N, C-alpha and C. Protein backbone atom coordinates (compact mmCIF):
# COMPACT_ATOMS: atom_id res chain seq x y z
N MET A 1 124.47 73.71 92.88
CA MET A 1 124.70 72.67 93.86
C MET A 1 123.66 72.82 94.97
N PRO A 2 122.79 71.85 95.14
CA PRO A 2 121.75 71.95 96.17
C PRO A 2 122.33 71.80 97.57
N VAL A 3 121.69 72.49 98.48
CA VAL A 3 122.10 72.42 99.88
C VAL A 3 121.31 71.30 100.54
N SER A 4 122.02 70.41 101.21
CA SER A 4 121.33 69.31 101.88
C SER A 4 121.82 69.22 103.32
N GLY A 5 121.10 68.48 104.08
CA GLY A 5 121.49 68.27 105.47
C GLY A 5 121.05 69.42 106.36
N ALA A 6 121.70 69.52 107.50
CA ALA A 6 121.32 70.50 108.52
C ALA A 6 121.73 71.91 108.14
N HIS A 7 122.68 72.07 107.22
CA HIS A 7 123.17 73.41 106.88
C HIS A 7 122.08 74.25 106.21
N GLY A 8 121.21 73.67 105.40
CA GLY A 8 120.16 74.41 104.74
C GLY A 8 119.01 74.76 105.67
N ALA A 9 118.85 74.04 106.76
CA ALA A 9 117.72 74.26 107.66
C ALA A 9 117.98 75.37 108.66
N VAL A 10 119.23 75.71 108.92
CA VAL A 10 119.54 76.71 109.94
C VAL A 10 119.00 78.09 109.58
N PRO A 11 119.23 78.62 108.37
CA PRO A 11 118.65 79.92 108.06
C PRO A 11 117.13 79.91 108.06
N THR A 12 116.53 78.79 107.66
CA THR A 12 115.08 78.69 107.65
C THR A 12 114.53 78.75 109.07
N ARG A 13 115.17 78.06 110.00
CA ARG A 13 114.73 78.10 111.39
C ARG A 13 114.92 79.48 111.99
N ALA A 14 116.02 80.13 111.67
CA ALA A 14 116.26 81.48 112.19
C ALA A 14 115.22 82.45 111.66
N LEU A 15 114.87 82.34 110.37
CA LEU A 15 113.83 83.21 109.80
C LEU A 15 112.47 82.91 110.41
N ALA A 16 112.16 81.64 110.62
CA ALA A 16 110.89 81.28 111.24
C ALA A 16 110.80 81.81 112.67
N ARG A 17 111.89 81.74 113.40
CA ARG A 17 111.91 82.26 114.77
C ARG A 17 111.76 83.78 114.76
N TRP A 18 112.44 84.45 113.81
CA TRP A 18 112.37 85.91 113.72
C TRP A 18 110.95 86.36 113.38
N THR A 19 110.27 85.68 112.46
CA THR A 19 108.91 86.07 112.10
C THR A 19 107.92 85.72 113.20
N ARG A 20 108.21 84.70 114.00
CA ARG A 20 107.29 84.32 115.07
C ARG A 20 107.34 85.32 116.23
N ASP A 21 108.50 85.91 116.45
CA ASP A 21 108.70 86.78 117.61
C ASP A 21 108.27 88.22 117.38
N ARG A 22 107.60 88.50 116.29
CA ARG A 22 107.15 89.87 115.98
C ARG A 22 105.93 89.79 115.07
N PRO A 23 105.16 90.88 114.96
CA PRO A 23 104.00 90.87 114.06
C PRO A 23 104.44 91.03 112.61
N PHE A 24 104.96 89.96 112.03
CA PHE A 24 105.56 90.01 110.70
C PHE A 24 104.55 90.40 109.63
N TRP A 25 103.41 89.72 109.60
CA TRP A 25 102.42 89.99 108.54
C TRP A 25 101.82 91.37 108.69
N ALA A 26 101.67 91.84 109.91
CA ALA A 26 101.18 93.20 110.12
C ALA A 26 102.16 94.21 109.55
N GLY A 27 103.44 94.01 109.77
CA GLY A 27 104.45 94.90 109.22
C GLY A 27 104.49 94.86 107.70
N LEU A 28 104.36 93.66 107.15
CA LEU A 28 104.39 93.52 105.70
C LEU A 28 103.20 94.21 105.04
N LEU A 29 102.00 94.00 105.58
CA LEU A 29 100.81 94.63 105.01
C LEU A 29 100.81 96.14 105.19
N THR A 30 101.28 96.61 106.34
CA THR A 30 101.33 98.05 106.59
C THR A 30 102.35 98.72 105.68
N ALA A 31 103.50 98.10 105.50
CA ALA A 31 104.51 98.66 104.60
C ALA A 31 104.01 98.63 103.15
N ALA A 32 103.29 97.59 102.76
CA ALA A 32 102.73 97.52 101.41
C ALA A 32 101.69 98.62 101.21
N ALA A 33 100.89 98.89 102.24
CA ALA A 33 99.91 99.97 102.15
C ALA A 33 100.61 101.31 101.97
N GLY A 34 101.69 101.51 102.71
CA GLY A 34 102.46 102.73 102.57
C GLY A 34 103.04 102.88 101.18
N LEU A 35 103.53 101.80 100.61
CA LEU A 35 104.08 101.87 99.26
C LEU A 35 103.01 102.19 98.23
N VAL A 36 101.83 101.60 98.38
CA VAL A 36 100.73 101.89 97.44
C VAL A 36 100.34 103.36 97.54
N ILE A 37 100.17 103.86 98.74
CA ILE A 37 99.78 105.26 98.93
C ILE A 37 100.90 106.20 98.50
N LEU A 38 102.15 105.80 98.69
CA LEU A 38 103.30 106.63 98.33
C LEU A 38 103.52 106.68 96.83
N VAL A 39 103.33 105.58 96.14
CA VAL A 39 103.62 105.50 94.71
C VAL A 39 102.52 106.12 93.87
N LEU A 40 101.27 105.96 94.24
CA LEU A 40 100.18 106.44 93.40
C LEU A 40 100.14 107.95 93.20
N PRO A 41 100.49 108.79 94.17
CA PRO A 41 100.49 110.23 93.85
C PRO A 41 101.51 110.62 92.79
N GLY A 42 102.57 109.86 92.65
CA GLY A 42 103.57 110.16 91.63
C GLY A 42 103.23 109.57 90.28
N GLY A 43 102.21 108.74 90.20
CA GLY A 43 101.84 108.10 88.95
C GLY A 43 100.90 108.96 88.12
N ARG A 44 100.42 108.39 87.04
CA ARG A 44 99.53 109.11 86.13
C ARG A 44 98.08 109.11 86.59
N PHE A 45 97.71 108.16 87.42
CA PHE A 45 96.32 107.97 87.79
C PHE A 45 96.00 108.69 89.09
N THR A 46 95.97 109.99 89.07
CA THR A 46 95.63 110.76 90.26
C THR A 46 94.21 111.28 90.13
N VAL A 47 93.46 111.19 91.19
CA VAL A 47 92.09 111.68 91.20
C VAL A 47 92.08 113.17 91.51
N LEU A 48 92.93 113.57 92.44
CA LEU A 48 93.04 114.96 92.83
C LEU A 48 94.32 115.54 92.26
N LEU A 49 94.45 116.84 92.30
CA LEU A 49 95.67 117.47 91.82
C LEU A 49 96.84 117.10 92.71
N LEU A 50 97.97 116.81 92.12
CA LEU A 50 99.14 116.39 92.88
C LEU A 50 99.72 117.50 93.74
N PRO A 51 99.97 118.71 93.22
CA PRO A 51 100.62 119.71 94.09
C PRO A 51 99.63 120.34 95.05
N GLY A 52 99.45 119.79 96.12
CA GLY A 52 98.52 120.31 97.12
C GLY A 52 98.39 119.32 98.23
N LEU A 53 97.23 119.29 98.81
CA LEU A 53 96.99 118.41 99.94
C LEU A 53 97.16 116.94 99.56
N ALA A 54 96.65 116.55 98.39
CA ALA A 54 96.73 115.15 97.98
C ALA A 54 98.17 114.72 97.76
N GLY A 55 98.97 115.55 97.14
CA GLY A 55 100.36 115.19 96.90
C GLY A 55 101.17 115.13 98.17
N THR A 56 101.03 116.16 99.00
CA THR A 56 101.80 116.22 100.24
C THR A 56 101.39 115.12 101.20
N SER A 57 100.11 114.97 101.42
CA SER A 57 99.67 113.95 102.37
C SER A 57 99.90 112.54 101.83
N GLY A 58 99.87 112.37 100.52
CA GLY A 58 100.18 111.06 99.96
C GLY A 58 101.60 110.64 100.27
N PHE A 59 102.52 111.58 100.12
CA PHE A 59 103.92 111.25 100.44
C PHE A 59 104.13 111.09 101.94
N LEU A 60 103.52 111.94 102.74
CA LEU A 60 103.69 111.85 104.20
C LEU A 60 103.03 110.60 104.76
N PHE A 61 101.78 110.34 104.37
CA PHE A 61 101.08 109.17 104.89
C PHE A 61 101.73 107.88 104.40
N GLY A 62 102.15 107.86 103.13
CA GLY A 62 102.80 106.66 102.61
C GLY A 62 104.11 106.36 103.31
N ALA A 63 104.93 107.40 103.51
CA ALA A 63 106.19 107.20 104.22
C ALA A 63 105.94 106.82 105.68
N GLY A 64 104.91 107.42 106.27
CA GLY A 64 104.58 107.08 107.67
C GLY A 64 104.14 105.63 107.82
N LEU A 65 103.32 105.15 106.90
CA LEU A 65 102.88 103.76 106.97
C LEU A 65 104.04 102.80 106.72
N CYS A 66 104.95 103.16 105.82
CA CYS A 66 106.14 102.32 105.62
C CYS A 66 106.97 102.26 106.90
N ALA A 67 107.13 103.39 107.57
CA ALA A 67 107.87 103.42 108.83
C ALA A 67 107.17 102.61 109.91
N MET A 68 105.83 102.66 109.93
CA MET A 68 105.10 101.87 110.92
C MET A 68 105.27 100.37 110.66
N GLY A 69 105.33 99.98 109.40
CA GLY A 69 105.60 98.59 109.08
C GLY A 69 106.96 98.14 109.61
N LEU A 70 107.95 99.02 109.50
CA LEU A 70 109.28 98.71 110.05
C LEU A 70 109.25 98.69 111.58
N PHE A 71 108.44 99.56 112.17
CA PHE A 71 108.31 99.53 113.64
C PHE A 71 107.71 98.20 114.09
N PHE A 72 106.75 97.67 113.37
CA PHE A 72 106.20 96.36 113.73
C PHE A 72 107.29 95.30 113.72
N TRP A 73 108.22 95.38 112.78
CA TRP A 73 109.26 94.37 112.68
C TRP A 73 110.36 94.55 113.70
N PHE A 74 110.80 95.79 113.90
CA PHE A 74 112.01 96.00 114.70
C PHE A 74 111.74 96.51 116.11
N ARG A 75 110.56 96.97 116.42
CA ARG A 75 110.17 97.38 117.77
C ARG A 75 108.78 96.81 118.10
N PRO A 76 108.68 95.49 118.20
CA PRO A 76 107.36 94.88 118.39
C PRO A 76 106.72 95.19 119.74
N ALA A 77 107.47 95.73 120.68
CA ALA A 77 106.88 96.03 121.99
C ALA A 77 105.81 97.12 121.89
N GLY A 78 105.91 98.00 120.93
CA GLY A 78 104.92 99.07 120.77
C GLY A 78 103.86 98.75 119.75
N HIS A 79 103.55 97.49 119.58
CA HIS A 79 102.63 97.08 118.51
C HIS A 79 101.22 97.64 118.67
N ARG A 80 100.76 97.85 119.88
CA ARG A 80 99.40 98.37 120.05
C ARG A 80 99.29 99.83 119.60
N ALA A 81 100.21 100.66 120.03
CA ALA A 81 100.17 102.08 119.63
C ALA A 81 100.39 102.24 118.14
N VAL A 82 101.31 101.47 117.59
CA VAL A 82 101.58 101.55 116.15
C VAL A 82 100.39 101.02 115.36
N GLY A 83 99.73 99.98 115.86
CA GLY A 83 98.56 99.45 115.18
C GLY A 83 97.41 100.43 115.11
N VAL A 84 97.13 101.10 116.22
CA VAL A 84 96.06 102.10 116.24
C VAL A 84 96.41 103.26 115.31
N THR A 85 97.67 103.70 115.36
CA THR A 85 98.09 104.81 114.51
C THR A 85 98.01 104.43 113.04
N ALA A 86 98.38 103.22 112.69
CA ALA A 86 98.32 102.77 111.30
C ALA A 86 96.88 102.75 110.80
N VAL A 87 95.95 102.31 111.62
CA VAL A 87 94.55 102.30 111.21
C VAL A 87 94.04 103.72 111.02
N LEU A 88 94.38 104.62 111.94
CA LEU A 88 93.91 106.01 111.83
C LEU A 88 94.50 106.69 110.60
N VAL A 89 95.77 106.50 110.34
CA VAL A 89 96.40 107.10 109.16
C VAL A 89 95.80 106.51 107.89
N SER A 90 95.52 105.23 107.88
CA SER A 90 94.93 104.59 106.70
C SER A 90 93.53 105.13 106.42
N VAL A 91 92.74 105.29 107.46
CA VAL A 91 91.38 105.84 107.26
C VAL A 91 91.46 107.31 106.82
N ALA A 92 92.38 108.07 107.39
CA ALA A 92 92.54 109.47 106.99
C ALA A 92 93.03 109.58 105.55
N SER A 93 93.73 108.59 105.06
CA SER A 93 94.23 108.64 103.69
C SER A 93 93.10 108.56 102.67
N LEU A 94 91.96 108.03 103.05
CA LEU A 94 90.82 107.98 102.13
C LEU A 94 90.40 109.38 101.73
N VAL A 95 90.41 110.31 102.67
CA VAL A 95 89.96 111.67 102.42
C VAL A 95 91.07 112.54 101.85
N THR A 96 92.28 112.38 102.34
CA THR A 96 93.34 113.33 102.01
C THR A 96 94.18 112.94 100.81
N THR A 97 94.34 111.66 100.53
CA THR A 97 95.13 111.25 99.37
C THR A 97 94.18 110.77 98.29
N ASN A 98 94.69 110.15 97.28
CA ASN A 98 93.87 109.69 96.16
C ASN A 98 93.01 108.51 96.56
N LEU A 99 91.99 108.81 97.32
CA LEU A 99 91.06 107.79 97.83
C LEU A 99 91.80 106.66 98.55
N GLY A 100 92.81 107.03 99.32
CA GLY A 100 93.57 106.05 100.09
C GLY A 100 94.31 105.07 99.21
N GLY A 101 94.95 105.56 98.16
CA GLY A 101 95.63 104.66 97.22
C GLY A 101 94.62 103.84 96.46
N PHE A 102 93.57 104.52 95.99
CA PHE A 102 92.45 103.87 95.30
C PHE A 102 91.89 102.73 96.13
N VAL A 103 91.71 102.97 97.38
CA VAL A 103 91.11 102.11 98.40
C VAL A 103 91.99 100.89 98.73
N VAL A 104 92.86 100.49 97.84
CA VAL A 104 93.71 99.32 98.09
C VAL A 104 94.68 99.60 99.24
N GLY A 105 95.34 100.74 99.18
CA GLY A 105 96.28 101.10 100.24
C GLY A 105 95.59 101.26 101.58
N MET A 106 94.42 101.87 101.57
CA MET A 106 93.68 102.05 102.81
C MET A 106 93.29 100.70 103.43
N LEU A 107 92.80 99.78 102.62
CA LEU A 107 92.40 98.47 103.14
C LEU A 107 93.60 97.67 103.64
N LEU A 108 94.71 97.74 102.94
CA LEU A 108 95.91 97.06 103.41
C LEU A 108 96.39 97.65 104.73
N GLY A 109 96.32 98.98 104.86
CA GLY A 109 96.73 99.63 106.10
C GLY A 109 95.82 99.29 107.27
N ILE A 110 94.53 99.24 107.02
CA ILE A 110 93.59 98.87 108.08
C ILE A 110 93.81 97.42 108.52
N LEU A 111 94.01 96.53 107.56
CA LEU A 111 94.25 95.13 107.89
C LEU A 111 95.57 94.95 108.62
N GLY A 112 96.63 95.60 108.14
CA GLY A 112 97.93 95.49 108.79
C GLY A 112 97.92 96.09 110.19
N GLY A 113 97.31 97.26 110.36
CA GLY A 113 97.22 97.87 111.68
C GLY A 113 96.40 97.03 112.65
N SER A 114 95.33 96.43 112.16
CA SER A 114 94.50 95.57 113.01
C SER A 114 95.25 94.31 113.43
N LEU A 115 95.98 93.72 112.49
CA LEU A 115 96.78 92.55 112.84
C LEU A 115 97.87 92.91 113.85
N GLY A 116 98.47 94.07 113.67
CA GLY A 116 99.51 94.50 114.61
C GLY A 116 98.96 94.77 115.99
N PHE A 117 97.78 95.36 116.07
CA PHE A 117 97.16 95.63 117.36
C PHE A 117 96.79 94.34 118.07
N ALA A 118 96.30 93.36 117.32
CA ALA A 118 95.81 92.11 117.91
C ALA A 118 96.93 91.10 118.19
N TRP A 119 98.13 91.34 117.70
CA TRP A 119 99.22 90.38 117.87
C TRP A 119 99.58 90.23 119.34
N GLU A 120 99.88 88.99 119.73
CA GLU A 120 100.33 88.71 121.09
C GLU A 120 101.70 88.08 121.03
N ASP A 121 102.58 88.55 121.87
CA ASP A 121 103.94 88.05 121.93
C ASP A 121 103.91 86.61 122.46
N PRO A 122 104.46 85.63 121.73
CA PRO A 122 104.43 84.25 122.23
C PRO A 122 105.25 84.08 123.50
N ASP A 123 106.27 84.90 123.72
CA ASP A 123 107.06 84.79 124.95
C ASP A 123 106.28 85.28 126.15
N GLN A 124 105.39 86.25 125.98
CA GLN A 124 104.58 86.74 127.09
C GLN A 124 103.58 85.68 127.53
N GLY A 125 103.03 84.93 126.60
CA GLY A 125 102.09 83.87 126.95
C GLY A 125 102.75 82.74 127.71
N ALA A 126 104.02 82.46 127.41
CA ALA A 126 104.72 81.38 128.10
C ALA A 126 105.08 81.77 129.53
N GLN A 127 105.26 83.07 129.79
CA GLN A 127 105.60 83.52 131.13
C GLN A 127 104.40 83.60 132.06
N ALA A 128 103.21 83.79 131.50
CA ALA A 128 102.02 83.96 132.33
C ALA A 128 101.54 82.65 132.90
């Protein structure tokens, strides 16, 4: 049974307002980077040996980037500090993990962190 009328538009408007009031795409890309970096050390395609620096830092950096993605969504006031940290962790993952999730995770983390750093709160612009 299709939803028609104003009842179907209310959740859409609430979701649009929620994504507008925070760096949504920055959080999504940063969390995706964390998942790529987190999953690849457990897979078959590892460049470095898993039990060591690559395995440990892959899990730590991946979980950290996933947490930073959630920080972008649920604590958008700290977007600048989280953005800089996400970029630094992503660049460090190139050396310490499996080439930063075979470069894909590193690039997603750099892009997500940069978007998070550059995001401006629309409510702050209306008050100025």
